[in-house]
Amino acid sequence: MTSLAGFFDARSEAPVRVGRWTILILFGAIAVLELTTALFREVNWDEFHFLSLIFEYKRASLSLALQTFHVHLFSWLTLLPTDEIGTIVIARCLMWLLHLATLWFLFKTAENLVSIRGALWATVLYATLGFVMRNATSFRADPIITTLLMGALFGLTRDRLPLRLLILSALAVTVAGLISIKSVFYVPAITMVATLQLARTHDKVLLRNMAVALVIAATAFVGLFLCHSASLAQAVSQAGNTLTSVYNKQLVDSSLFYGARFLAYSLAVNALQWSVICVGMGLAVARTINNSGAERLRALTILSFASPLLCIAFYRNSFPYFYVFMMAPVAVVGALAADKLSSLSKISGAIPVIFVALAVGHAIPEFQRDQSAQRSLISAVHQIFPNPVPYIAQTGMVASYPHAGFLMSTWGIEEYRDRGEPVLLHAIEKERPPFVIVSGPALSAALEPGTVSTDAGEGLLPADIEALKENYVRHWGPIWIAGKQLPATGGVEATFAVHIPGPYTMTADAPVEIDRRSILPGDVVELTEGTHSFRGGLATLRHGRNPPVPAREPPMAIFTGF
């Protein structure tokens, strides 16, 4: 029986060679699929949130300093003459270019550590993972920090490491850390690569230069963070407290394997890619056991690239978009499998081609999730409210308008319920938002009972539900406008309260009395904040002067998942 060590050390037979044109076609197909995804795929809710932070900064209303550094890099997006969808599509095209850079850095890093064939396998493996294909061009922090961190790893794996390259790599890590604190998950791989280089060269000058680069990076991090904090117009939240809250919520208080369902899906859909990764990890472990000295350290270094996989166990937000960030270094481990699998069978050498073929098959159904519903909704908002006004929604979907309330992500809802404060009621009383976009499960459960199923701990507080029901009426599809549904009084005078003052258009079958004045159907009445009297039949008041109702059919669903 062949030993495990013998299996791992067997010499490669002549594999099926993948020619240069085949390689170009492979990467061309990947690039086209990714660009098509960027241009046409449905926008996720947190992409809208990522954009809304930039508009908040330009409105001088951004108060959170942690994980908002990207507002300086993308503030130019607020100047584009297009709506929110068009702006995100343009930003996605930039993400596409960054993703291509990530693929290049991944290829060169794997080539420096393993082989050219392994680098090809690793790059195609990563690019064709289902979650990567869907989210690599999304306008989020993950594609940005992945490019920066993979660029740093590429710089550190080069044979020559002059001081300027070390500083550039360290600054890339600095900027990534400012954009998202999850960048810390690359620290094991970065540390092991640096250790490998020191062990390989035994160069005291290199050690000194690394220390210099580290000091410069730390100084730059502190300086840039302080400058960013100072640029925020409002009082900045305590970064230490915020960081502690993030740490507790994402790591300490989170259930183990919170994202296990997404991992299970990825394992099923991308079984071939995961099999290659497992073979690579087995090779890395075997080489660690069977070798010593520099070779053992090299094997450990490659194995350290798989360390982000541990995040699935304890990191709460191991959602599909996280795979863009997590799997880039992990793919380097899969590079070890290239020669071994090629030696087992000649057809195995064509596995990268199979990766791409499977990716194309999985990607085609995804294009049915287009942006038509979201474009229709955004267009309707701008038609009904041509000028920016505050609004309530699951996320900052209309980024050019001020978003009242809070971000209703699963994490946001948990924090909101832990505080126990009626945030939406306070927002209505203070900011007086004229409309609500019912785009998430919490708002749907509040205003459209029975349309969605939510657990007891996932909905809004009773005070907020009551505030929404009392102050808004459906206007068009998911758009609810400030207003009142006034029941028939049977000739008796009744009262109603107004929290959002302004002009209201009355809809009814017959004249009614408001504040003892006769109001005809279609009339506009100015209502101040406070209590008003009403007498008459069933009537509806809608905020605004005859607010237009879009003629097209409203969309059925705004977000259909990741």
Protein backbone atom coordinates (compact mmCIF):
# COMPACT_ATOMS: atom_id res chain seq x y z
CA MET A 1 0.00 0.00 0.00
CA THR A 2 1.38 3.38 -0.97
CA SER A 3 2.26 5.55 2.01
CA LEU A 4 0.87 9.04 2.45
CA ALA A 5 4.36 10.48 2.17
CA GLY A 6 4.95 8.50 -1.02
CA PHE A 7 1.72 9.79 -2.48
CA PHE A 8 2.65 13.39 -1.78
CA ASP A 9 6.21 13.02 -3.06
CA ALA A 10 5.45 11.04 -6.26
CA ARG A 11 6.91 12.50 -9.42
CA SER A 12 4.52 14.04 -11.89
CA GLU A 13 3.76 12.30 -15.14
CA ALA A 14 3.22 14.23 -18.35
CA PRO A 15 -0.04 16.13 -17.78
CA VAL A 16 -2.49 17.58 -20.24
CA ARG A 17 -0.97 20.96 -20.98
CA VAL A 18 -3.15 24.04 -21.04
CA GLY A 19 -1.92 26.24 -23.86
CA ARG A 20 -1.43 29.99 -23.83
CA TRP A 21 -4.55 30.65 -25.88
CA THR A 22 -6.58 28.43 -23.58
CA ILE A 23 -5.36 30.43 -20.60
CA LEU A 24 -6.30 33.69 -22.31
CA ILE A 25 -9.74 32.32 -23.15
CA LEU A 26 -10.22 31.16 -19.55
CA PHE A 27 -9.40 34.52 -18.06
CA GLY A 28 -11.29 36.33 -20.81
CA ALA A 29 -14.43 34.34 -20.00
CA ILE A 30 -14.00 35.07 -16.28
CA ALA A 31 -13.50 38.79 -16.93
CA VAL A 32 -16.57 39.00 -19.18
CA LEU A 33 -18.74 37.15 -16.65
CA GLU A 34 -17.61 39.44 -13.86
CA LEU A 35 -18.17 42.60 -15.89
CA THR A 36 -21.64 41.41 -16.91
CA THR A 37 -22.40 40.79 -13.24
CA ALA A 38 -21.20 44.28 -12.38
CA LEU A 39 -23.37 45.90 -15.01
CA PHE A 40 -26.64 44.02 -14.68
CA ARG A 41 -26.94 42.02 -11.46
CA GLU A 42 -29.31 43.11 -8.70
CA VAL A 43 -27.85 45.57 -6.19
CA ASN A 44 -27.63 44.21 -2.67
CA TRP A 45 -28.89 46.26 0.27
CA ASP A 46 -25.44 46.79 1.80
CA GLU A 47 -24.12 48.20 -1.47
CA PHE A 48 -26.71 50.94 -1.08
CA HIS A 49 -25.54 51.38 2.51
CA PHE A 50 -21.90 51.63 1.41
CA LEU A 51 -22.87 54.37 -1.03
CA SER A 52 -25.13 56.17 1.45
CA LEU A 53 -22.19 56.62 3.85
CA ILE A 54 -20.42 58.61 1.14
CA PHE A 55 -23.41 60.90 0.67
CA GLU A 56 -23.71 61.27 4.44
CA TYR A 57 -20.11 62.44 4.54
CA LYS A 58 -20.73 64.98 1.78
CA ARG A 59 -23.81 66.23 3.67
CA ALA A 60 -21.63 66.64 6.79
CA SER A 61 -23.87 64.23 8.71
CA LEU A 62 -21.54 61.24 9.05
CA SER A 63 -20.60 60.64 12.68
CA LEU A 64 -19.11 57.13 12.66
CA ALA A 65 -15.32 57.14 12.15
CA LEU A 66 -14.72 53.39 12.28
CA GLN A 67 -14.86 51.52 8.95
CA THR A 68 -15.91 54.57 6.96
CA PHE A 69 -12.54 55.63 5.53
CA HIS A 70 -13.72 54.71 2.04
CA VAL A 71 -15.74 57.94 1.91
CA HIS A 72 -12.54 59.80 1.03
CA LEU A 73 -11.70 57.42 -1.80
CA PHE A 74 -15.13 57.60 -3.42
CA SER A 75 -16.49 61.06 -2.63
CA TRP A 76 -16.34 61.83 -6.36
CA LEU A 77 -19.28 59.47 -6.88
CA THR A 78 -21.61 62.12 -5.46
CA LEU A 79 -20.82 64.33 -8.47
CA LEU A 80 -21.99 61.84 -11.11
CA PRO A 81 -25.09 62.92 -13.10
CA THR A 82 -26.98 59.66 -12.52
CA ASP A 83 -29.23 58.02 -9.97
CA GLU A 84 -28.20 55.62 -7.22
CA ILE A 85 -28.29 52.53 -9.44
CA GLY A 86 -26.18 54.19 -12.13
CA THR A 87 -23.71 55.39 -9.52
CA ILE A 88 -23.32 51.91 -8.07
CA VAL A 89 -22.86 50.40 -11.53
CA ILE A 90 -20.03 52.85 -12.21
CA ALA A 91 -18.50 52.03 -8.82
CA ARG A 92 -18.86 48.32 -9.62
CA CYS A 93 -16.85 48.81 -12.80
CA LEU A 94 -14.04 50.11 -10.61
CA MET A 95 -14.50 47.08 -8.35
CA TRP A 96 -14.16 44.93 -11.48
CA LEU A 97 -10.79 46.50 -12.22
CA LEU A 98 -9.74 45.93 -8.61
CA HIS A 99 -10.84 42.30 -8.88
CA LEU A 100 -8.68 41.84 -11.97
CA ALA A 101 -5.79 43.28 -9.95
CA THR A 102 -6.60 40.81 -7.15
CA LEU A 103 -6.42 37.93 -9.64
CA TRP A 104 -3.04 39.20 -10.82
CA PHE A 105 -1.69 39.51 -7.29
CA LEU A 106 -3.02 36.04 -6.46
CA PHE A 107 -1.36 34.55 -9.54
CA LYS A 108 2.01 36.16 -8.81
CA THR A 109 1.86 35.27 -5.10
CA ALA A 110 1.13 31.62 -5.88
CA GLU A 111 3.85 31.62 -8.53
CA ASN A 112 6.37 32.96 -5.99
CA LEU A 113 5.44 30.29 -3.45
CA VAL A 114 4.53 27.26 -5.57
CA SER A 115 4.75 27.12 -9.38
CA ILE A 116 3.35 28.68 -12.53
CA ARG A 117 0.93 25.79 -13.03
CA GLY A 118 -0.17 26.04 -9.41
CA ALA A 119 -0.64 29.79 -9.81
CA LEU A 120 -2.94 29.21 -12.78
CA TRP A 121 -5.01 26.67 -10.86
CA ALA A 122 -5.23 28.90 -7.80
CA THR A 123 -6.34 31.95 -9.74
CA VAL A 124 -8.99 30.17 -11.79
CA LEU A 125 -10.18 28.27 -8.69
CA TYR A 126 -10.73 31.50 -6.76
CA ALA A 127 -12.32 33.39 -9.63
CA THR A 128 -14.84 30.64 -10.39
CA LEU A 129 -16.15 30.09 -6.86
CA GLY A 130 -19.87 30.84 -6.93
CA PHE A 131 -19.88 33.43 -4.16
CA VAL A 132 -16.82 35.12 -5.65
CA MET A 133 -18.39 35.26 -9.10
CA ARG A 134 -21.48 36.93 -7.64
CA ASN A 135 -19.87 39.37 -5.25
CA ALA A 136 -16.36 40.18 -6.48
CA THR A 137 -17.58 43.33 -8.24
CA SER A 138 -20.02 44.41 -5.53
CA PHE A 139 -19.58 47.91 -4.14
CA ARG A 140 -18.46 46.84 -0.68
CA ALA A 141 -15.34 46.96 1.43
CA ASP A 142 -14.44 43.32 0.69
CA PRO A 143 -13.20 43.67 -2.93
CA ILE A 144 -11.19 46.78 -2.00
CA ILE A 145 -9.38 45.37 1.01
CA THR A 146 -8.82 42.04 -0.78
CA THR A 147 -6.93 43.83 -3.55
CA LEU A 148 -4.86 45.80 -1.03
CA LEU A 149 -4.01 42.79 1.13
CA MET A 150 -3.26 40.43 -1.75
CA GLY A 151 -1.07 43.19 -3.18
CA ALA A 152 0.79 43.32 0.14
CA LEU A 153 1.24 39.54 0.13
CA PHE A 154 2.53 39.64 -3.43
CA GLY A 155 5.03 42.32 -2.45
CA LEU A 156 6.25 40.32 0.52
CA THR A 157 6.72 37.09 -1.46
CA ARG A 158 9.07 38.61 -4.02
CA ASP A 159 12.72 37.57 -4.03
CA ARG A 160 13.97 41.13 -3.61
CA LEU A 161 12.48 43.20 -0.80
CA PRO A 162 13.82 46.76 -0.91
CA LEU A 163 12.64 49.18 1.76
CA ARG A 164 10.28 51.05 -0.57
CA LEU A 165 8.46 47.80 -1.44
CA LEU A 166 8.12 46.90 2.24
CA ILE A 167 6.73 50.36 3.00
CA LEU A 168 4.30 50.15 0.09
CA SER A 169 3.07 46.73 1.26
CA ALA A 170 2.73 47.96 4.83
CA LEU A 171 0.76 51.02 3.71
CA ALA A 172 -1.56 48.80 1.68
CA VAL A 173 -2.32 46.88 4.88
CA THR A 174 -2.83 50.21 6.68
CA VAL A 175 -5.42 51.47 4.20
CA ALA A 176 -7.17 48.10 4.23
CA GLY A 177 -7.37 48.23 8.02
CA LEU A 178 -8.85 51.72 7.90
CA ILE A 179 -11.53 50.57 5.47
CA SER A 180 -12.42 47.41 7.40
CA ILE A 181 -11.12 45.92 10.62
CA LYS A 182 -11.67 42.42 9.20
CA SER A 183 -8.31 42.98 7.47
CA VAL A 184 -6.80 41.57 10.66
CA PHE A 185 -7.73 38.09 9.40
CA TYR A 186 -4.82 38.27 6.93
CA VAL A 187 -2.28 38.88 9.71
CA PRO A 188 -1.29 35.19 10.14
CA ALA A 189 -0.43 34.82 6.46
CA ILE A 190 1.41 38.16 6.34
CA THR A 191 3.36 37.30 9.50
CA MET A 192 4.35 33.86 8.20
CA VAL A 193 5.47 35.26 4.84
CA ALA A 194 7.65 37.82 6.61
CA THR A 195 9.08 35.09 8.85
CA LEU A 196 9.80 32.90 5.81
CA GLN A 197 11.67 35.72 4.10
CA LEU A 198 13.77 36.38 7.19
CA ALA A 199 14.56 32.67 7.59
CA ARG A 200 15.43 32.38 3.91
CA THR A 201 17.79 35.35 3.78
CA HIS A 202 19.13 35.62 7.36
CA ASP A 203 19.42 39.32 6.50
CA LYS A 204 19.60 41.73 9.43
CA VAL A 205 19.07 44.66 7.05
CA LEU A 206 15.78 43.08 5.94
CA LEU A 207 14.71 42.73 9.58
CA ARG A 208 15.53 46.38 10.18
CA ASN A 209 13.66 47.46 7.04
CA MET A 210 10.63 45.43 8.07
CA ALA A 211 10.66 47.13 11.46
CA VAL A 212 10.90 50.54 9.77
CA ALA A 213 8.00 49.71 7.45
CA LEU A 214 5.93 48.52 10.42
CA VAL A 215 6.56 51.74 12.34
CA ILE A 216 5.67 53.84 9.28
CA ALA A 217 2.48 51.83 8.75
CA ALA A 218 1.41 52.18 12.40
CA THR A 219 2.11 55.91 12.34
CA ALA A 220 0.19 56.29 9.09
CA PHE A 221 -2.75 54.35 10.51
CA VAL A 222 -3.01 56.57 13.58
CA GLY A 223 -2.49 59.76 11.59
CA LEU A 224 -4.99 58.91 8.87
CA PHE A 225 -7.59 57.75 11.38
CA LEU A 226 -7.26 60.97 13.39
CA CYS A 227 -7.51 63.07 10.22
CA HIS A 228 -10.56 61.10 9.12
CA SER A 229 -12.19 61.54 12.53
CA ALA A 230 -11.47 65.27 12.46
CA SER A 231 -13.10 65.58 9.02
CA LEU A 232 -16.46 64.43 10.35
CA ALA A 233 -18.77 67.32 11.06
CA GLN A 234 -20.63 65.86 14.02
CA ALA A 235 -19.32 64.56 17.30
CA VAL A 236 -17.61 61.28 16.51
CA SER A 237 -18.70 58.14 18.29
CA GLN A 238 -16.08 56.79 20.64
CA ALA A 239 -14.00 54.54 18.39
CA GLY A 240 -12.89 52.38 21.30
CA ASN A 241 -16.45 51.70 22.40
CA THR A 242 -17.52 51.05 18.82
CA LEU A 243 -14.61 48.69 18.26
CA THR A 244 -15.47 46.83 21.45
CA SER A 245 -19.09 46.55 20.35
CA VAL A 246 -18.06 45.23 16.93
CA TYR A 247 -15.64 42.75 18.51
CA ASN A 248 -18.24 41.46 20.96
CA LYS A 249 -21.00 41.22 18.37
CA GLN A 250 -18.96 39.69 15.58
CA LEU A 251 -16.72 37.35 17.55
CA VAL A 252 -17.61 36.91 21.23
CA ASP A 253 -21.41 36.92 21.35
CA SER A 254 -21.93 35.33 17.94
CA SER A 255 -23.04 31.73 17.67
CA LEU A 256 -20.44 29.34 16.34
CA PHE A 257 -20.75 28.65 12.61
CA TYR A 258 -23.32 31.43 12.15
CA GLY A 259 -22.67 31.27 8.40
CA ALA A 260 -22.61 27.46 8.17
CA ARG A 261 -25.53 27.40 5.71
CA PHE A 262 -23.56 29.45 3.22
CA LEU A 263 -20.52 27.20 3.63
CA ALA A 264 -22.70 24.14 3.03
CA TYR A 265 -24.07 25.74 -0.14
CA SER A 266 -20.58 26.59 -1.38
CA LEU A 267 -19.31 23.07 -0.65
CA ALA A 268 -22.17 21.61 -2.67
CA VAL A 269 -22.04 23.98 -5.62
CA ASN A 270 -18.25 24.23 -5.81
CA ALA A 271 -17.35 20.70 -4.74
CA LEU A 272 -14.54 20.44 -7.28
CA GLN A 273 -12.83 23.64 -6.14
CA TRP A 274 -13.12 22.64 -2.49
CA SER A 275 -11.71 19.19 -3.29
CA VAL A 276 -8.65 20.81 -4.84
CA ILE A 277 -8.25 23.04 -1.76
CA CYS A 278 -8.46 19.98 0.52
CA VAL A 279 -5.78 18.19 -1.51
CA GLY A 280 -3.60 21.29 -1.26
CA MET A 281 -4.07 21.47 2.51
CA GLY A 282 -3.19 17.78 2.78
CA LEU A 283 -0.02 18.38 0.79
CA ALA A 284 0.91 21.35 2.96
CA VAL A 285 0.43 19.30 6.14
CA ALA A 286 2.43 16.39 4.73
CA ARG A 287 5.30 18.65 3.67
CA THR A 288 5.30 20.23 7.11
CA ILE A 289 5.63 16.77 8.70
CA ASN A 290 8.09 15.28 6.23
CA ASN A 291 10.47 18.22 5.86
CA SER A 292 12.54 20.37 8.13
CA GLY A 293 14.22 23.75 8.12
CA ALA A 294 13.35 26.15 5.32
CA GLU A 295 11.13 23.66 3.47
CA ARG A 296 9.03 23.06 6.57
CA LEU A 297 8.73 26.81 7.08
CA ARG A 298 7.66 27.24 3.45
CA ALA A 299 4.98 24.56 3.89
CA LEU A 300 3.77 26.23 7.10
CA THR A 301 3.67 29.56 5.33
CA ILE A 302 1.50 28.18 2.55
CA LEU A 303 -0.70 26.47 5.12
CA SER A 304 -1.12 29.79 6.94
CA PHE A 305 -2.85 31.11 3.81
CA ALA A 306 -5.76 28.85 4.77
CA SER A 307 -6.15 30.57 8.16
CA PRO A 308 -9.07 32.79 7.00
CA LEU A 309 -11.15 29.60 6.78
CA LEU A 310 -11.23 29.60 10.59
CA CYS A 311 -13.37 32.75 10.38
CA ILE A 312 -16.36 30.61 9.37
CA ALA A 313 -16.38 29.12 12.87
CA PHE A 314 -16.48 32.34 14.88
CA TYR A 315 -16.97 35.35 12.58
CA ARG A 316 -20.64 36.31 12.52
CA ASN A 317 -20.71 37.95 9.10
CA SER A 318 -19.43 34.95 7.12
CA PHE A 319 -21.98 35.77 4.46
CA PRO A 320 -21.53 35.12 0.72
CA TYR A 321 -19.79 38.45 0.06
CA PHE A 322 -17.18 37.53 2.72
CA TYR A 323 -15.92 34.72 0.46
CA VAL A 324 -14.42 37.33 -1.87
CA PHE A 325 -12.16 38.35 0.99
CA MET A 326 -11.70 34.98 2.68
CA MET A 327 -10.94 32.73 -0.28
CA ALA A 328 -8.26 34.77 -2.09
CA PRO A 329 -5.36 33.58 0.14
CA VAL A 330 -6.96 30.14 0.64
CA ALA A 331 -6.73 29.57 -3.12
CA VAL A 332 -2.92 29.70 -2.81
CA VAL A 333 -3.10 26.50 -0.75
CA GLY A 334 -5.02 24.88 -3.61
CA ALA A 335 -2.10 25.72 -5.89
CA LEU A 336 -0.13 22.89 -4.27
CA ALA A 337 -2.56 20.39 -5.76
CA ALA A 338 -1.82 21.31 -9.38
CA ASP A 339 1.16 19.05 -10.01
CA LYS A 340 -0.16 16.21 -7.86
CA LEU A 341 -3.58 16.01 -9.50
CA SER A 342 -2.05 16.41 -12.94
CA SER A 343 0.16 13.38 -12.26
CA LEU A 344 -2.81 11.15 -11.34
CA SER A 345 -4.56 11.49 -14.67
CA LYS A 346 -3.88 13.33 -17.89
CA ILE A 347 -7.41 14.71 -17.91
CA SER A 348 -6.81 16.27 -14.47
CA GLY A 349 -4.57 18.85 -16.09
CA ALA A 350 -7.67 20.34 -17.67
CA ILE A 351 -9.38 20.98 -14.31
CA PRO A 352 -9.09 24.81 -14.67
CA VAL A 353 -11.12 24.51 -17.88
CA ILE A 354 -13.76 22.55 -15.95
CA PHE A 355 -13.77 25.27 -13.27
CA VAL A 356 -14.69 27.90 -15.86
CA ALA A 357 -17.27 25.69 -17.60
CA LEU A 358 -19.05 25.06 -14.29
CA ALA A 359 -18.86 28.77 -13.40
CA VAL A 360 -20.55 29.72 -16.68
CA GLY A 361 -23.32 27.23 -15.98
CA HIS A 362 -23.88 28.60 -12.47
CA ALA A 363 -23.67 32.25 -13.57
CA ILE A 364 -26.32 32.20 -16.30
CA PRO A 365 -29.33 31.79 -13.93
CA GLU A 366 -27.96 34.60 -11.76
CA PHE A 367 -28.45 37.11 -14.56
CA GLN A 368 -32.21 36.73 -14.13
CA ARG A 369 -31.80 38.69 -10.89
CA ASP A 370 -31.50 42.01 -12.66
CA GLN A 371 -31.91 45.61 -11.49
CA SER A 372 -35.28 46.32 -13.10
CA ALA A 373 -37.28 46.32 -9.86
CA GLN A 374 -34.73 48.50 -8.08
CA ARG A 375 -34.48 50.93 -10.99
CA SER A 376 -38.26 51.22 -11.06
CA LEU A 377 -38.38 51.96 -7.32
CA ILE A 378 -35.57 54.53 -7.38
CA SER A 379 -37.18 56.26 -10.37
CA ALA A 380 -40.52 56.36 -8.54
CA VAL A 381 -38.96 57.95 -5.46
CA HIS A 382 -37.36 60.69 -7.54
CA GLN A 383 -40.66 61.23 -9.38
CA ILE A 384 -42.72 61.55 -6.20
CA PHE A 385 -40.07 63.49 -4.26
CA PRO A 386 -37.92 65.41 -6.77
CA ASN A 387 -36.02 67.16 -3.95
CA PRO A 388 -34.08 65.34 -1.21
CA VAL A 389 -36.13 64.64 1.91
CA PRO A 390 -35.58 62.29 4.86
CA TYR A 391 -37.02 58.79 4.58
CA ILE A 392 -37.16 55.48 6.44
CA ALA A 393 -35.99 52.23 4.84
CA GLN A 394 -34.11 49.04 5.60
CA THR A 395 -30.97 50.67 4.23
CA GLY A 396 -29.88 53.92 2.60
CA MET A 397 -31.34 52.88 -0.73
CA VAL A 398 -31.86 56.45 -1.95
CA ALA A 399 -28.35 57.52 -1.00
CA SER A 400 -28.76 61.10 -2.22
CA TYR A 401 -31.55 61.59 0.33
CA PRO A 402 -30.95 61.56 4.12
CA HIS A 403 -31.74 58.17 5.65
CA ALA A 404 -33.63 58.42 8.95
CA GLY A 405 -33.75 55.63 11.50
CA PHE A 406 -31.10 52.91 11.44
CA LEU A 407 -29.59 50.19 9.24
CA MET A 408 -31.96 47.22 9.50
CA SER A 409 -29.47 44.45 8.86
CA THR A 410 -29.67 41.34 11.03
CA TRP A 411 -26.90 42.79 13.18
CA GLY A 412 -28.57 46.21 13.21
CA ILE A 413 -31.89 44.72 14.33
CA GLU A 414 -30.17 42.77 17.12
CA GLU A 415 -28.42 45.89 18.44
CA TYR A 416 -31.65 47.90 18.12
CA ARG A 417 -33.62 45.36 20.14
CA ASP A 418 -30.84 45.10 22.72
CA ARG A 419 -31.07 48.87 23.30
CA GLY A 420 -34.86 48.74 23.47
CA GLU A 421 -35.30 52.31 22.18
CA PRO A 422 -38.05 53.19 19.64
CA VAL A 423 -35.60 54.64 17.12
CA LEU A 424 -38.16 55.10 14.33
CA LEU A 425 -40.60 56.90 16.61
CA HIS A 426 -37.84 59.32 17.60
CA ALA A 427 -36.86 59.76 13.94
CA ILE A 428 -40.44 60.58 13.00
CA GLU A 429 -40.71 63.14 15.80
CA LYS A 430 -37.32 64.73 15.07
CA GLU A 431 -36.63 64.36 11.32
CA ARG A 432 -40.22 64.03 10.05
CA PRO A 433 -39.51 61.72 7.07
CA PRO A 434 -42.25 62.10 4.43
CA PHE A 435 -42.02 58.52 3.14
CA VAL A 436 -41.05 54.93 3.95
CA ILE A 437 -39.66 52.29 1.59
CA VAL A 438 -40.90 48.88 2.72
CA SER A 439 -37.89 46.90 1.51
CA GLY A 440 -36.90 44.61 4.38
CA PRO A 441 -38.53 41.95 6.56
CA ALA A 442 -38.79 44.17 9.65
CA LEU A 443 -40.67 46.95 7.81
CA SER A 444 -42.77 44.46 5.86
CA ALA A 445 -43.85 42.73 9.05
CA ALA A 446 -44.75 46.10 10.58
CA LEU A 447 -46.74 47.63 7.71
CA GLU A 448 -47.78 44.54 5.74
CA PRO A 449 -48.56 41.89 8.40
CA GLY A 450 -48.65 38.38 7.04
CA THR A 451 -46.50 39.06 3.99
CA VAL A 452 -43.30 37.82 5.63
CA SER A 453 -42.50 35.56 8.55
CA THR A 454 -40.15 36.91 11.22
CA ASP A 455 -39.11 35.56 14.58
CA ALA A 456 -40.15 37.43 17.70
CA GLY A 457 -36.64 38.81 18.13
CA GLU A 458 -36.26 40.03 14.54
CA GLY A 459 -39.06 42.58 14.29
CA LEU A 460 -39.47 46.20 15.28
CA LEU A 461 -40.47 47.30 18.75
CA PRO A 462 -44.23 47.79 19.32
CA ALA A 463 -43.84 51.58 19.72
CA ASP A 464 -42.12 51.82 16.33
CA ILE A 465 -44.71 49.60 14.65
CA GLU A 466 -47.48 51.78 16.03
CA ALA A 467 -45.69 54.97 14.91
CA LEU A 468 -45.38 53.64 11.35
CA LYS A 469 -49.01 52.53 11.18
CA GLU A 470 -50.27 55.83 12.59
CA ASN A 471 -48.23 58.10 10.32
CA TYR A 472 -47.98 56.44 6.89
CA VAL A 473 -50.31 55.10 4.20
CA ARG A 474 -49.49 53.07 1.12
CA HIS A 475 -48.95 55.26 -1.94
CA TRP A 476 -47.36 53.05 -4.63
CA GLY A 477 -46.12 49.53 -4.10
CA PRO A 478 -43.35 49.57 -1.47
CA ILE A 479 -43.53 53.37 -1.09
CA TRP A 480 -45.60 54.49 1.87
CA ILE A 481 -46.17 58.21 2.21
CA ALA A 482 -46.82 60.27 5.34
CA GLY A 483 -50.55 60.40 5.81
CA LYS A 484 -53.63 59.36 7.70
CA GLN A 485 -56.40 56.88 7.07
CA LEU A 486 -59.42 58.60 8.63
CA PRO A 487 -62.40 56.33 9.42
CA ALA A 488 -65.99 57.51 8.93
CA THR A 489 -67.24 59.36 12.00
CA GLY A 490 -71.00 58.93 11.50
CA GLY A 491 -71.59 62.64 11.98
CA VAL A 492 -69.65 62.80 15.24
CA GLU A 493 -66.52 64.94 15.43
CA ALA A 494 -63.32 62.93 15.93
CA THR A 495 -59.65 63.88 16.32
CA PHE A 496 -56.39 62.74 14.81
CA ALA A 497 -52.75 63.61 15.48
CA VAL A 498 -50.18 64.85 12.97
CA HIS A 499 -46.46 64.38 13.62
CA ILE A 500 -45.23 65.40 10.15
CA PRO A 501 -46.58 68.89 9.36
CA GLY A 502 -47.07 70.25 5.87
CA PRO A 503 -49.51 70.15 2.98
CA TYR A 504 -51.80 67.10 2.73
CA THR A 505 -53.96 66.07 -0.20
CA MET A 506 -57.37 64.67 0.72
CA THR A 507 -58.89 61.65 -1.06
CA ALA A 508 -62.53 60.81 -0.33
CA ASP A 509 -65.87 60.12 -2.00
CA ALA A 510 -67.50 63.25 -0.58
CA PRO A 511 -66.52 66.49 1.19
CA VAL A 512 -65.39 66.21 4.79
CA GLU A 513 -64.63 68.65 7.60
CA ILE A 514 -61.09 69.10 8.92
CA ASP A 515 -60.66 71.58 11.76
CA ARG A 516 -64.32 72.51 11.07
CA ARG A 517 -63.54 73.62 7.52
CA SER A 518 -65.09 71.93 4.51
CA ILE A 519 -62.51 70.08 2.41
CA LEU A 520 -63.39 68.77 -1.05
CA PRO A 521 -61.87 65.59 -2.53
CA GLY A 522 -58.53 66.52 -4.11
CA ASP A 523 -58.11 69.66 -2.00
CA VAL A 524 -54.83 70.41 -0.26
CA VAL A 525 -54.95 71.34 3.40
CA GLU A 526 -52.09 72.66 5.50
CA LEU A 527 -51.77 70.72 8.76
CA THR A 528 -49.57 71.75 11.63
CA GLU A 529 -48.04 69.35 14.12
CA GLY A 530 -50.54 68.43 16.82
CA THR A 531 -54.18 67.39 17.12
CA HIS A 532 -56.83 68.16 14.48
CA SER A 533 -60.59 67.55 14.29
CA PHE A 534 -62.37 65.54 11.60
CA ARG A 535 -65.98 64.86 10.63
CA GLY A 536 -67.25 62.93 7.63
CA GLY A 537 -66.93 59.68 5.70
CA LEU A 538 -63.89 57.52 5.02
CA ALA A 539 -60.99 59.72 3.85
CA THR A 540 -57.24 59.50 3.26
CA LEU A 541 -54.70 62.26 3.71
CA ARG A 542 -51.39 62.06 1.83
CA HIS A 543 -48.46 64.36 2.49
CA GLY A 544 -47.73 66.72 -0.40
CA ARG A 545 -49.60 68.65 -3.03
CA ASN A 546 -51.21 65.93 -5.15
CA PRO A 547 -48.14 63.65 -5.02
CA PRO A 548 -47.83 61.82 -8.35
CA VAL A 549 -48.53 58.10 -8.56
CA PRO A 550 -46.28 56.31 -11.09
CA ALA A 551 -48.33 54.77 -13.88
CA ARG A 552 -46.28 51.56 -14.09
CA GLU A 553 -46.87 48.50 -11.97
CA PRO A 554 -44.85 48.53 -8.71
CA PRO A 555 -42.17 45.86 -8.23
CA MET A 556 -43.05 42.77 -6.21
CA ALA A 557 -39.64 42.31 -4.55
CA ILE A 558 -36.74 44.72 -4.13
CA PHE A 559 -34.09 42.38 -2.72
CA THR A 560 -34.00 38.66 -3.46
CA GLY A 561 -31.01 37.68 -1.32
CA PHE A 562 -27.24 37.69 -1.69
